Amino acid sequence: MKNNRLDLHAKLIDILGSNNVYFQPPEGIRIKYPCIIYERSSIDVNHADDISYARMVQYEIMFITKEPDTNDFIMKMLDAFKYCSYSRHFVSDNLNHEIFILYY
């Protein structure tokens, strides 16, 4: 069975341990923390002999929490996904943001 966004969504809910997982949430939605917000950012296409033979969707995954210590969550993400890398951390509005790049 081919992976898709709904499979990814279910895995993110499982990793977070709550339903506070949002795919490209519209403005005005009330977000509960901690949460994961994710969006599609690219599609990587591999070619050989002038043929497209493999495609992987790239997602930007953002974990947002009030807690400053996020190492456990970071390790869960890196352990759960083969093609996941940690990108950066920043604080905005007293919320900690951990950014991951995931090919799924």
PDB file of N, CA and C in Angstrom:
ATOM      1  N   MET A   1       0.836  -1.187   0.000  1.00  0.00           N
ATOM      2  CA  MET A   1       0.000   0.000   0.000  1.00  0.00           C
ATOM      3  C   MET A   1       0.873   1.240   0.000  1.00  0.00           C
ATOM      4  N   LYS A   2       0.513   2.191  -0.801  1.00  0.00           N
ATOM      5  CA  LYS A   2       1.294   3.398  -0.951  1.00  0.00           C
ATOM      6  C   LYS A   2       1.004   4.363   0.208  1.00  0.00           C
ATOM      7  N   ASN A   3       2.065   4.997   0.723  1.00  0.00           N
ATOM      8  CA  ASN A   3       1.887   5.987   1.791  1.00  0.00           C
ATOM      9  C   ASN A   3       1.141   7.200   1.260  1.00  0.00           C
ATOM     10  N   ASN A   4       0.337   7.805   2.093  1.00  0.00           N
ATOM     11  CA  ASN A   4      -0.334   9.033   1.698  1.00  0.00           C
ATOM     12  C   ASN A   4      -0.445   9.960   2.899  1.00  0.00           C
ATOM     13  N   ARG A   5      -1.010  11.136   2.674  1.00  0.00           N
ATOM     14  CA  ARG A   5      -1.075  12.144   3.715  1.00  0.00           C
ATOM     15  C   ARG A   5      -1.918  11.691   4.912  1.00  0.00           C
ATOM     16  N   LEU A   6      -2.975  10.967   4.677  1.00  0.00           N
ATOM     17  CA  LEU A   6      -3.808  10.511   5.795  1.00  0.00           C
ATOM     18  C   LEU A   6      -3.076   9.504   6.673  1.00  0.00           C
ATOM     19  N   ASP A   7      -2.239   8.669   6.059  1.00  0.00           N
ATOM     20  CA  ASP A   7      -1.395   7.762   6.845  1.00  0.00           C
ATOM     21  C   ASP A   7      -0.429   8.575   7.703  1.00  0.00           C
ATOM     22  N   LEU A   8       0.187   9.584   7.089  1.00  0.00           N
ATOM     23  CA  LEU A   8       1.106  10.459   7.822  1.00  0.00           C
ATOM     24  C   LEU A   8       0.383  11.134   8.972  1.00  0.00           C
ATOM     25  N   HIS A   9      -0.806  11.637   8.729  1.00  0.00           N
ATOM     26  CA  HIS A   9      -1.587  12.316   9.761  1.00  0.00           C
ATOM     27  C   HIS A   9      -1.814  11.390  10.958  1.00  0.00           C
ATOM     28  N   ALA A  10      -2.199  10.151  10.688  1.00  0.00           N
ATOM     29  CA  ALA A  10      -2.436   9.182  11.763  1.00  0.00           C
ATOM     30  C   ALA A  10      -1.159   8.908  12.554  1.00  0.00           C
ATOM     31  N   LYS A  11      -0.028   8.802  11.871  1.00  0.00           N
ATOM     32  CA  LYS A  11       1.242   8.570  12.571  1.00  0.00           C
ATOM     33  C   LYS A  11       1.624   9.755  13.437  1.00  0.00           C
ATOM     34  N   LEU A  12       1.379  10.965  12.953  1.00  0.00           N
ATOM     35  CA  LEU A  12       1.690  12.156  13.747  1.00  0.00           C
ATOM     36  C   LEU A  12       0.811  12.227  14.998  1.00  0.00           C
ATOM     37  N   ILE A  13      -0.446  11.861  14.877  1.00  0.00           N
ATOM     38  CA  ILE A  13      -1.338  11.801  16.047  1.00  0.00           C
ATOM     39  C   ILE A  13      -0.799  10.800  17.057  1.00  0.00           C
ATOM     40  N   ASP A  14      -0.358   9.664  16.572  1.00  0.00           N
ATOM     41  CA  ASP A  14       0.187   8.633  17.452  1.00  0.00           C
ATOM     42  C   ASP A  14       1.454   9.127  18.170  1.00  0.00           C
ATOM     43  N   ILE A  15       2.341   9.773  17.454  1.00  0.00           N
ATOM     44  CA  ILE A  15       3.580  10.282  18.054  1.00  0.00           C
ATOM     45  C   ILE A  15       3.282  11.367  19.081  1.00  0.00           C
ATOM     46  N   LEU A  16       2.377  12.292  18.744  1.00  0.00           N
ATOM     47  CA  LEU A  16       2.036  13.385  19.657  1.00  0.00           C
ATOM     48  C   LEU A  16       1.238  12.879  20.856  1.00  0.00           C
ATOM     49  N   GLY A  17       0.422  11.872  20.652  1.00  0.00           N
ATOM     50  CA  GLY A  17      -0.416  11.344  21.727  1.00  0.00           C
ATOM     51  C   GLY A  17      -1.695  12.138  21.927  1.00  0.00           C
ATOM     52  N   SER A  18      -2.061  12.929  20.918  1.00  0.00           N
ATOM     53  CA  SER A  18      -3.326  13.671  20.967  1.00  0.00           C
ATOM     54  C   SER A  18      -3.767  13.988  19.540  1.00  0.00           C
ATOM     55  N   ASN A  19      -4.985  14.500  19.417  1.00  0.00           N
ATOM     56  CA  ASN A  19      -5.518  14.866  18.103  1.00  0.00           C
ATOM     57  C   ASN A  19      -5.155  16.282  17.674  1.00  0.00           C
ATOM     58  N   ASN A  20      -4.252  16.932  18.384  1.00  0.00           N
ATOM     59  CA  ASN A  20      -3.866  18.306  18.053  1.00  0.00           C
ATOM     60  C   ASN A  20      -2.867  18.329  16.900  1.00  0.00           C
ATOM     61  N   VAL A  21      -3.253  17.729  15.792  1.00  0.00           N
ATOM     62  CA  VAL A  21      -2.436  17.681  14.581  1.00  0.00           C
ATOM     63  C   VAL A  21      -3.235  18.353  13.477  1.00  0.00           C
ATOM     64  N   TYR A  22      -2.613  19.331  12.825  1.00  0.00           N
ATOM     65  CA  TYR A  22      -3.327  20.160  11.856  1.00  0.00           C
ATOM     66  C   TYR A  22      -2.574  20.186  10.532  1.00  0.00           C
ATOM     67  N   PHE A  23      -3.272  19.904   9.445  1.00  0.00           N
ATOM     68  CA  PHE A  23      -2.706  20.020   8.103  1.00  0.00           C
ATOM     69  C   PHE A  23      -3.156  21.345   7.516  1.00  0.00           C
ATOM     70  N   GLN A  24      -2.216  22.237   7.292  1.00  0.00           N
ATOM     71  CA  GLN A  24      -2.487  23.554   6.729  1.00  0.00           C
ATOM     72  C   GLN A  24      -3.748  24.178   7.341  1.00  0.00           C
ATOM     73  N   PRO A  25      -3.736  24.429   8.642  1.00  0.00           N
ATOM     74  CA  PRO A  25      -4.953  24.944   9.292  1.00  0.00           C
ATOM     75  C   PRO A  25      -5.348  26.322   8.762  1.00  0.00           C
ATOM     76  N   PRO A  26      -6.630  26.539   8.573  1.00  0.00           N
ATOM     77  CA  PRO A  26      -7.084  27.859   8.110  1.00  0.00           C
ATOM     78  C   PRO A  26      -6.924  28.902   9.209  1.00  0.00           C
ATOM     79  N   GLU A  27      -6.831  30.156   8.820  1.00  0.00           N
ATOM     80  CA  GLU A  27      -6.759  31.237   9.808  1.00  0.00           C
ATOM     81  C   GLU A  27      -8.026  31.233  10.646  1.00  0.00           C
ATOM     82  N   GLY A  28      -7.876  31.591  11.898  1.00  0.00           N
ATOM     83  CA  GLY A  28      -9.020  31.685  12.783  1.00  0.00           C
ATOM     84  C   GLY A  28      -9.315  30.411  13.552  1.00  0.00           C
ATOM     85  N   ILE A  29      -8.677  29.310  13.194  1.00  0.00           N
ATOM     86  CA  ILE A  29      -8.909  28.069  13.936  1.00  0.00           C
ATOM     87  C   ILE A  29      -8.212  28.171  15.296  1.00  0.00           C
ATOM     88  N   ARG A  30      -8.860  27.694  16.316  1.00  0.00           N
ATOM     89  CA  ARG A  30      -8.288  27.724  17.663  1.00  0.00           C
ATOM     90  C   ARG A  30      -7.391  26.495  17.835  1.00  0.00           C
ATOM     91  N   ILE A  31      -6.108  26.746  17.957  1.00  0.00           N
ATOM     92  CA  ILE A  31      -5.124  25.674  18.049  1.00  0.00           C
ATOM     93  C   ILE A  31      -4.824  25.383  19.516  1.00  0.00           C
ATOM     94  N   LYS A  32      -4.807  24.096  19.847  1.00  0.00           N
ATOM     95  CA  LYS A  32      -4.496  23.656  21.211  1.00  0.00           C
ATOM     96  C   LYS A  32      -3.055  23.162  21.243  1.00  0.00           C
ATOM     97  N   TYR A  33      -2.336  23.509  22.319  1.00  0.00           N
ATOM     98  CA  TYR A  33      -0.926  23.140  22.445  1.00  0.00           C
ATOM     99  C   TYR A  33      -0.743  22.074  23.504  1.00  0.00           C
ATOM    100  N   PRO A  34       0.245  21.207  23.374  1.00  0.00           N
ATOM    101  CA  PRO A  34       1.175  21.098  22.249  1.00  0.00           C
ATOM    102  C   PRO A  34       0.457  20.598  21.000  1.00  0.00           C
ATOM    103  N   CYS A  35       1.042  20.930  19.855  1.00  0.00           N
ATOM    104  CA  CYS A  35       0.427  20.532  18.598  1.00  0.00           C
ATOM    105  C   CYS A  35       1.481  20.312  17.526  1.00  0.00           C
ATOM    106  N   ILE A  36       1.016  19.738  16.446  1.00  0.00           N
ATOM    107  CA  ILE A  36       1.818  19.609  15.233  1.00  0.00           C
ATOM    108  C   ILE A  36       1.033  20.283  14.117  1.00  0.00           C
ATOM    109  N   ILE A  37       1.723  21.144  13.391  1.00  0.00           N
ATOM    110  CA  ILE A  37       1.170  21.747  12.182  1.00  0.00           C
ATOM    111  C   ILE A  37       2.090  21.328  11.041  1.00  0.00           C
ATOM    112  N   TYR A  38       1.507  20.830   9.978  1.00  0.00           N
ATOM    113  CA  TYR A  38       2.354  20.407   8.864  1.00  0.00           C
ATOM    114  C   TYR A  38       1.748  20.827   7.533  1.00  0.00           C
ATOM    115  N   GLU A  39       2.643  20.925   6.544  1.00  0.00           N
ATOM    116  CA  GLU A  39       2.211  21.291   5.205  1.00  0.00           C
ATOM    117  C   GLU A  39       3.154  20.673   4.178  1.00  0.00           C
ATOM    118  N   ARG A  40       2.630  20.477   3.001  1.00  0.00           N
ATOM    119  CA  ARG A  40       3.442  19.975   1.895  1.00  0.00           C
ATOM    120  C   ARG A  40       4.321  21.130   1.421  1.00  0.00           C
ATOM    121  N   SER A  41       5.619  20.869   1.238  1.00  0.00           N
ATOM    122  CA  SER A  41       6.499  21.944   0.809  1.00  0.00           C
ATOM    123  C   SER A  41       7.151  21.678  -0.540  1.00  0.00           C
ATOM    124  N   SER A  42       7.190  20.413  -0.969  1.00  0.00           N
ATOM    125  CA  SER A  42       7.827  20.092  -2.243  1.00  0.00           C
ATOM    126  C   SER A  42       7.516  18.642  -2.597  1.00  0.00           C
ATOM    127  N   ILE A  43       7.821  18.281  -3.827  1.00  0.00           N
ATOM    128  CA  ILE A  43       7.776  16.884  -4.238  1.00  0.00           C
ATOM    129  C   ILE A  43       9.088  16.586  -4.944  1.00  0.00           C
ATOM    130  N   ASP A  44       9.813  15.608  -4.434  1.00  0.00           N
ATOM    131  CA  ASP A  44      11.098  15.218  -4.996  1.00  0.00           C
ATOM    132  C   ASP A  44      10.848  14.103  -6.003  1.00  0.00           C
ATOM    133  N   VAL A  45      11.286  14.321  -7.241  1.00  0.00           N
ATOM    134  CA  VAL A  45      11.077  13.334  -8.306  1.00  0.00           C
ATOM    135  C   VAL A  45      12.443  12.851  -8.770  1.00  0.00           C
ATOM    136  N   ASN A  46      12.633  11.540  -8.748  1.00  0.00           N
ATOM    137  CA  ASN A  46      13.869  10.938  -9.248  1.00  0.00           C
ATOM    138  C   ASN A  46      13.655  10.454 -10.669  1.00  0.00           C
ATOM    139  N   HIS A  47      14.665  10.700 -11.502  1.00  0.00           N
ATOM    140  CA  HIS A  47      14.594  10.311 -12.908  1.00  0.00           C
ATOM    141  C   HIS A  47      15.755   9.384 -13.260  1.00  0.00           C
ATOM    142  N   ALA A  48      15.498   8.501 -14.192  1.00  0.00           N
ATOM    143  CA  ALA A  48      16.536   7.673 -14.794  1.00  0.00           C
ATOM    144  C   ALA A  48      16.079   7.330 -16.205  1.00  0.00           C
ATOM    145  N   ASP A  49      16.990   7.390 -17.147  1.00  0.00           N
ATOM    146  CA  ASP A  49      16.660   7.103 -18.548  1.00  0.00           C
ATOM    147  C   ASP A  49      15.467   7.930 -19.020  1.00  0.00           C
ATOM    148  N   ASP A  50      15.468   9.198 -18.625  1.00  0.00           N
ATOM    149  CA  ASP A  50      14.398  10.134 -19.018  1.00  0.00           C
ATOM    150  C   ASP A  50      13.010   9.709 -18.567  1.00  0.00           C
ATOM    151  N   ILE A  51      12.958   8.918 -17.480  1.00  0.00           N
ATOM    152  CA  ILE A  51      11.677   8.466 -16.938  1.00  0.00           C
ATOM    153  C   ILE A  51      11.613   8.829 -15.457  1.00  0.00           C
ATOM    154  N   SER A  52      10.474   9.327 -15.026  1.00  0.00           N
ATOM    155  CA  SER A  52      10.236   9.582 -13.608  1.00  0.00           C
ATOM    156  C   SER A  52       9.892   8.252 -12.948  1.00  0.00           C
ATOM    157  N   TYR A  53      10.720   7.811 -11.987  1.00  0.00           N
ATOM    158  CA  TYR A  53      10.464   6.500 -11.403  1.00  0.00           C
ATOM    159  C   TYR A  53      10.166   6.525  -9.910  1.00  0.00           C
ATOM    160  N   ALA A  54      10.428   7.623  -9.240  1.00  0.00           N
ATOM    161  CA  ALA A  54      10.142   7.670  -7.804  1.00  0.00           C
ATOM    162  C   ALA A  54       9.793   9.098  -7.409  1.00  0.00           C
ATOM    163  N   ARG A  55       8.776   9.218  -6.587  1.00  0.00           N
ATOM    164  CA  ARG A  55       8.356  10.529  -6.083  1.00  0.00           C
ATOM    165  C   ARG A  55       8.194  10.442  -4.573  1.00  0.00           C
ATOM    166  N   MET A  56       8.699  11.450  -3.884  1.00  0.00           N
ATOM    167  CA  MET A  56       8.500  11.537  -2.434  1.00  0.00           C
ATOM    168  C   MET A  56       8.042  12.951  -2.119  1.00  0.00           C
ATOM    169  N   VAL A  57       6.969  13.040  -1.370  1.00  0.00           N
ATOM    170  CA  VAL A  57       6.444  14.343  -0.977  1.00  0.00           C
ATOM    171  C   VAL A  57       7.234  14.832   0.233  1.00  0.00           C
ATOM    172  N   GLN A  58       7.657  16.081   0.163  1.00  0.00           N
ATOM    173  CA  GLN A  58       8.373  16.693   1.284  1.00  0.00           C
ATOM    174  C   GLN A  58       7.380  17.514   2.097  1.00  0.00           C
ATOM    175  N   TYR A  59       7.398  17.294   3.412  1.00  0.00           N
ATOM    176  CA  TYR A  59       6.544  18.036   4.327  1.00  0.00           C
ATOM    177  C   TYR A  59       7.412  18.817   5.305  1.00  0.00           C
ATOM    178  N   GLU A  60       6.935  19.983   5.681  1.00  0.00           N
ATOM    179  CA  GLU A  60       7.530  20.698   6.800  1.00  0.00           C
ATOM    180  C   GLU A  60       6.623  20.434   7.997  1.00  0.00           C
ATOM    181  N   ILE A  61       7.212  19.864   9.035  1.00  0.00           N
ATOM    182  CA  ILE A  61       6.484  19.502  10.245  1.00  0.00           C
ATOM    183  C   ILE A  61       6.906  20.465  11.343  1.00  0.00           C
ATOM    184  N   MET A  62       5.937  21.102  11.993  1.00  0.00           N
ATOM    185  CA  MET A  62       6.231  22.046  13.064  1.00  0.00           C
ATOM    186  C   MET A  62       5.573  21.562  14.355  1.00  0.00           C
ATOM    187  N   PHE A  63       6.408  21.279  15.345  1.00  0.00           N
ATOM    188  CA  PHE A  63       5.927  20.923  16.673  1.00  0.00           C
ATOM    189  C   PHE A  63       5.962  22.188  17.507  1.00  0.00           C
ATOM    190  N   ILE A  64       4.824  22.553  18.113  1.00  0.00           N
ATOM    191  CA  ILE A  64       4.725  23.789  18.893  1.00  0.00           C
ATOM    192  C   ILE A  64       4.270  23.439  20.298  1.00  0.00           C
ATOM    193  N   THR A  65       5.001  23.955  21.284  1.00  0.00           N
ATOM    194  CA  THR A  65       4.695  23.660  22.675  1.00  0.00           C
ATOM    195  C   THR A  65       5.126  24.810  23.571  1.00  0.00           C
ATOM    196  N   LYS A  66       4.508  24.874  24.738  1.00  0.00           N
ATOM    197  CA  LYS A  66       4.905  25.865  25.739  1.00  0.00           C
ATOM    198  C   LYS A  66       6.140  25.405  26.501  1.00  0.00           C
ATOM    199  N   GLU A  67       6.413  24.095  26.472  1.00  0.00           N
ATOM    200  CA  GLU A  67       7.533  23.515  27.215  1.00  0.00           C
ATOM    201  C   GLU A  67       8.855  23.765  26.496  1.00  0.00           C
ATOM    202  N   PRO A  68       9.891  24.183  27.221  1.00  0.00           N
ATOM    203  CA  PRO A  68      11.178  24.438  26.575  1.00  0.00           C
ATOM    204  C   PRO A  68      11.987  23.173  26.270  1.00  0.00           C
ATOM    205  N   ASP A  69      11.763  22.094  27.030  1.00  0.00           N
ATOM    206  CA  ASP A  69      12.528  20.867  26.821  1.00  0.00           C
ATOM    207  C   ASP A  69      11.761  19.946  25.880  1.00  0.00           C
ATOM    208  N   THR A  70      12.218  19.867  24.642  1.00  0.00           N
ATOM    209  CA  THR A  70      11.509  19.101  23.615  1.00  0.00           C
ATOM    210  C   THR A  70      12.332  17.933  23.080  1.00  0.00           C
ATOM    211  N   ASN A  71      13.403  17.593  23.771  1.00  0.00           N
ATOM    212  CA  ASN A  71      14.292  16.536  23.268  1.00  0.00           C
ATOM    213  C   ASN A  71      13.576  15.210  23.067  1.00  0.00           C
ATOM    214  N   ASP A  72      12.677  14.826  23.971  1.00  0.00           N
ATOM    215  CA  ASP A  72      11.966  13.552  23.815  1.00  0.00           C
ATOM    216  C   ASP A  72      11.158  13.521  22.522  1.00  0.00           C
ATOM    217  N   PHE A  73      10.453  14.606  22.239  1.00  0.00           N
ATOM    218  CA  PHE A  73       9.661  14.651  21.014  1.00  0.00           C
ATOM    219  C   PHE A  73      10.564  14.614  19.784  1.00  0.00           C
ATOM    220  N   ILE A  74      11.656  15.354  19.816  1.00  0.00           N
ATOM    221  CA  ILE A  74      12.591  15.368  18.685  1.00  0.00           C
ATOM    222  C   ILE A  74      13.071  13.950  18.389  1.00  0.00           C
ATOM    223  N   MET A  75      13.460  13.218  19.414  1.00  0.00           N
ATOM    224  CA  MET A  75      13.952  11.853  19.219  1.00  0.00           C
ATOM    225  C   MET A  75      12.847  10.923  18.718  1.00  0.00           C
ATOM    226  N   LYS A  76      11.603  11.107  19.189  1.00  0.00           N
ATOM    227  CA  LYS A  76      10.479  10.301  18.697  1.00  0.00           C
ATOM    228  C   LYS A  76      10.299  10.487  17.192  1.00  0.00           C
ATOM    229  N   MET A  77      10.357  11.737  16.745  1.00  0.00           N
ATOM    230  CA  MET A  77      10.191  12.020  15.315  1.00  0.00           C
ATOM    231  C   MET A  77      11.311  11.380  14.497  1.00  0.00           C
ATOM    232  N   LEU A  78      12.532  11.555  14.959  1.00  0.00           N
ATOM    233  CA  LEU A  78      13.670  11.015  14.206  1.00  0.00           C
ATOM    234  C   LEU A  78      13.659   9.489  14.190  1.00  0.00           C
ATOM    235  N   ASP A  79      13.176   8.873  15.260  1.00  0.00           N
ATOM    236  CA  ASP A  79      13.086   7.420  15.314  1.00  0.00           C
ATOM    237  C   ASP A  79      11.924   6.876  14.471  1.00  0.00           C
ATOM    238  N   ALA A  80      10.857   7.638  14.371  1.00  0.00           N
ATOM    239  CA  ALA A  80       9.635   7.157  13.713  1.00  0.00           C
ATOM    240  C   ALA A  80       9.702   7.180  12.191  1.00  0.00           C
ATOM    241  N   PHE A  81      10.517   8.076  11.636  1.00  0.00           N
ATOM    242  CA  PHE A  81      10.527   8.258  10.187  1.00  0.00           C
ATOM    243  C   PHE A  81      11.945   8.130   9.628  1.00  0.00           C
ATOM    244  N   LYS A  82      12.088   7.287   8.652  1.00  0.00           N
ATOM    245  CA  LYS A  82      13.387   7.036   8.024  1.00  0.00           C
ATOM    246  C   LYS A  82      13.941   8.285   7.340  1.00  0.00           C
ATOM    247  N   TYR A  83      13.078   9.053   6.705  1.00  0.00           N
ATOM    248  CA  TYR A  83      13.519  10.219   5.937  1.00  0.00           C
ATOM    249  C   TYR A  83      13.123  11.523   6.625  1.00  0.00           C
ATOM    250  N   CYS A  84      13.437  11.627   7.886  1.00  0.00           N
ATOM    251  CA  CYS A  84      13.121  12.815   8.675  1.00  0.00           C
ATOM    252  C   CYS A  84      14.410  13.440   9.178  1.00  0.00           C
ATOM    253  N   SER A  85      14.497  14.758   9.093  1.00  0.00           N
ATOM    254  CA  SER A  85      15.657  15.461   9.644  1.00  0.00           C
ATOM    255  C   SER A  85      15.174  16.663  10.445  1.00  0.00           C
ATOM    256  N   TYR A  86      15.951  16.973  11.465  1.00  0.00           N
ATOM    257  CA  TYR A  86      15.658  18.127  12.309  1.00  0.00           C
ATOM    258  C   TYR A  86      16.228  19.356  11.619  1.00  0.00           C
ATOM    259  N   SER A  87      15.433  20.408  11.513  1.00  0.00           N
ATOM    260  CA  SER A  87      15.856  21.599  10.793  1.00  0.00           C
ATOM    261  C   SER A  87      16.288  22.735  11.713  1.00  0.00           C
ATOM    262  N   ARG A  88      15.397  23.136  12.635  1.00  0.00           N
ATOM    263  CA  ARG A  88      15.738  24.297  13.460  1.00  0.00           C
ATOM    264  C   ARG A  88      14.758  24.438  14.623  1.00  0.00           C
ATOM    265  N   HIS A  89      15.106  25.348  15.512  1.00  0.00           N
ATOM    266  CA  HIS A  89      14.285  25.697  16.672  1.00  0.00           C
ATOM    267  C   HIS A  89      14.136  27.205  16.703  1.00  0.00           C
ATOM    268  N   PHE A  90      12.954  27.671  17.093  1.00  0.00           N
ATOM    269  CA  PHE A  90      12.793  29.098  17.374  1.00  0.00           C
ATOM    270  C   PHE A  90      11.667  29.283  18.372  1.00  0.00           C
ATOM    271  N   VAL A  91      11.671  30.454  19.015  1.00  0.00           N
ATOM    272  CA  VAL A  91      10.635  30.811  19.982  1.00  0.00           C
ATOM    273  C   VAL A  91       9.876  32.007  19.434  1.00  0.00           C
ATOM    274  N   SER A  92       8.551  31.913  19.481  1.00  0.00           N
ATOM    275  CA  SER A  92       7.694  33.007  19.052  1.00  0.00           C
ATOM    276  C   SER A  92       6.475  33.036  19.974  1.00  0.00           C
ATOM    277  N   ASP A  93       6.143  34.200  20.497  1.00  0.00           N
ATOM    278  CA  ASP A  93       5.005  34.359  21.417  1.00  0.00           C
ATOM    279  C   ASP A  93       5.091  33.398  22.599  1.00  0.00           C
ATOM    280  N   ASN A  94       6.289  33.219  23.120  1.00  0.00           N
ATOM    281  CA  ASN A  94       6.555  32.320  24.250  1.00  0.00           C
ATOM    282  C   ASN A  94       6.213  30.859  23.957  1.00  0.00           C
ATOM    283  N   LEU A  95       6.167  30.485  22.694  1.00  0.00           N
ATOM    284  CA  LEU A  95       5.952  29.100  22.287  1.00  0.00           C
ATOM    285  C   LEU A  95       7.206  28.590  21.588  1.00  0.00           C
ATOM    286  N   ASN A  96       7.620  27.384  21.948  1.00  0.00           N
ATOM    287  CA  ASN A  96       8.785  26.754  21.327  1.00  0.00           C
ATOM    288  C   ASN A  96       8.346  26.037  20.064  1.00  0.00           C
ATOM    289  N   HIS A  97       9.083  26.264  18.990  1.00  0.00           N
ATOM    290  CA  HIS A  97       8.793  25.659  17.689  1.00  0.00           C
ATOM    291  C   HIS A  97       9.974  24.785  17.280  1.00  0.00           C
ATOM    292  N   GLU A  98       9.707  23.525  16.970  1.00  0.00           N
ATOM    293  CA  GLU A  98      10.718  22.598  16.459  1.00  0.00           C
ATOM    294  C   GLU A  98      10.306  22.251  15.035  1.00  0.00           C
ATOM    295  N   ILE A  99      11.217  22.458  14.094  1.00  0.00           N
ATOM    296  CA  ILE A  99      10.905  22.267  12.685  1.00  0.00           C
ATOM    297  C   ILE A  99      11.651  21.050  12.144  1.00  0.00           C
ATOM    298  N   PHE A 100      10.918  20.206  11.423  1.00  0.00           N
ATOM    299  CA  PHE A 100      11.461  19.014  10.808  1.00  0.00           C
ATOM    300  C   PHE A 100      11.165  19.043   9.306  1.00  0.00           C
ATOM    301  N   ILE A 101      12.035  18.428   8.541  1.00  0.00           N
ATOM    302  CA  ILE A 101      11.784  18.177   7.131  1.00  0.00           C
ATOM    303  C   ILE A 101      11.584  16.673   6.995  1.00  0.00           C
ATOM    304  N   LEU A 102      10.467  16.297   6.393  1.00  0.00           N
ATOM    305  CA  LEU A 102      10.113  14.880   6.287  1.00  0.00           C
ATOM    306  C   LEU A 102       9.757  14.551   4.846  1.00  0.00           C
ATOM    307  N   TYR A 103      10.375  13.500   4.326  1.00  0.00           N
ATOM    308  CA  TYR A 103       9.976  12.953   3.019  1.00  0.00           C
ATOM    309  C   TYR A 103       9.117  11.735   3.312  1.00  0.00           C
ATOM    310  N   TYR A 104       7.913  11.741   2.743  1.00  0.00           N
ATOM    311  CA  TYR A 104       6.971  10.663   3.039  1.00  0.00           C
ATOM    312  C   TYR A 104       6.205  10.289   1.785  1.00  0.00           C
TER     313      TYR A 104
END
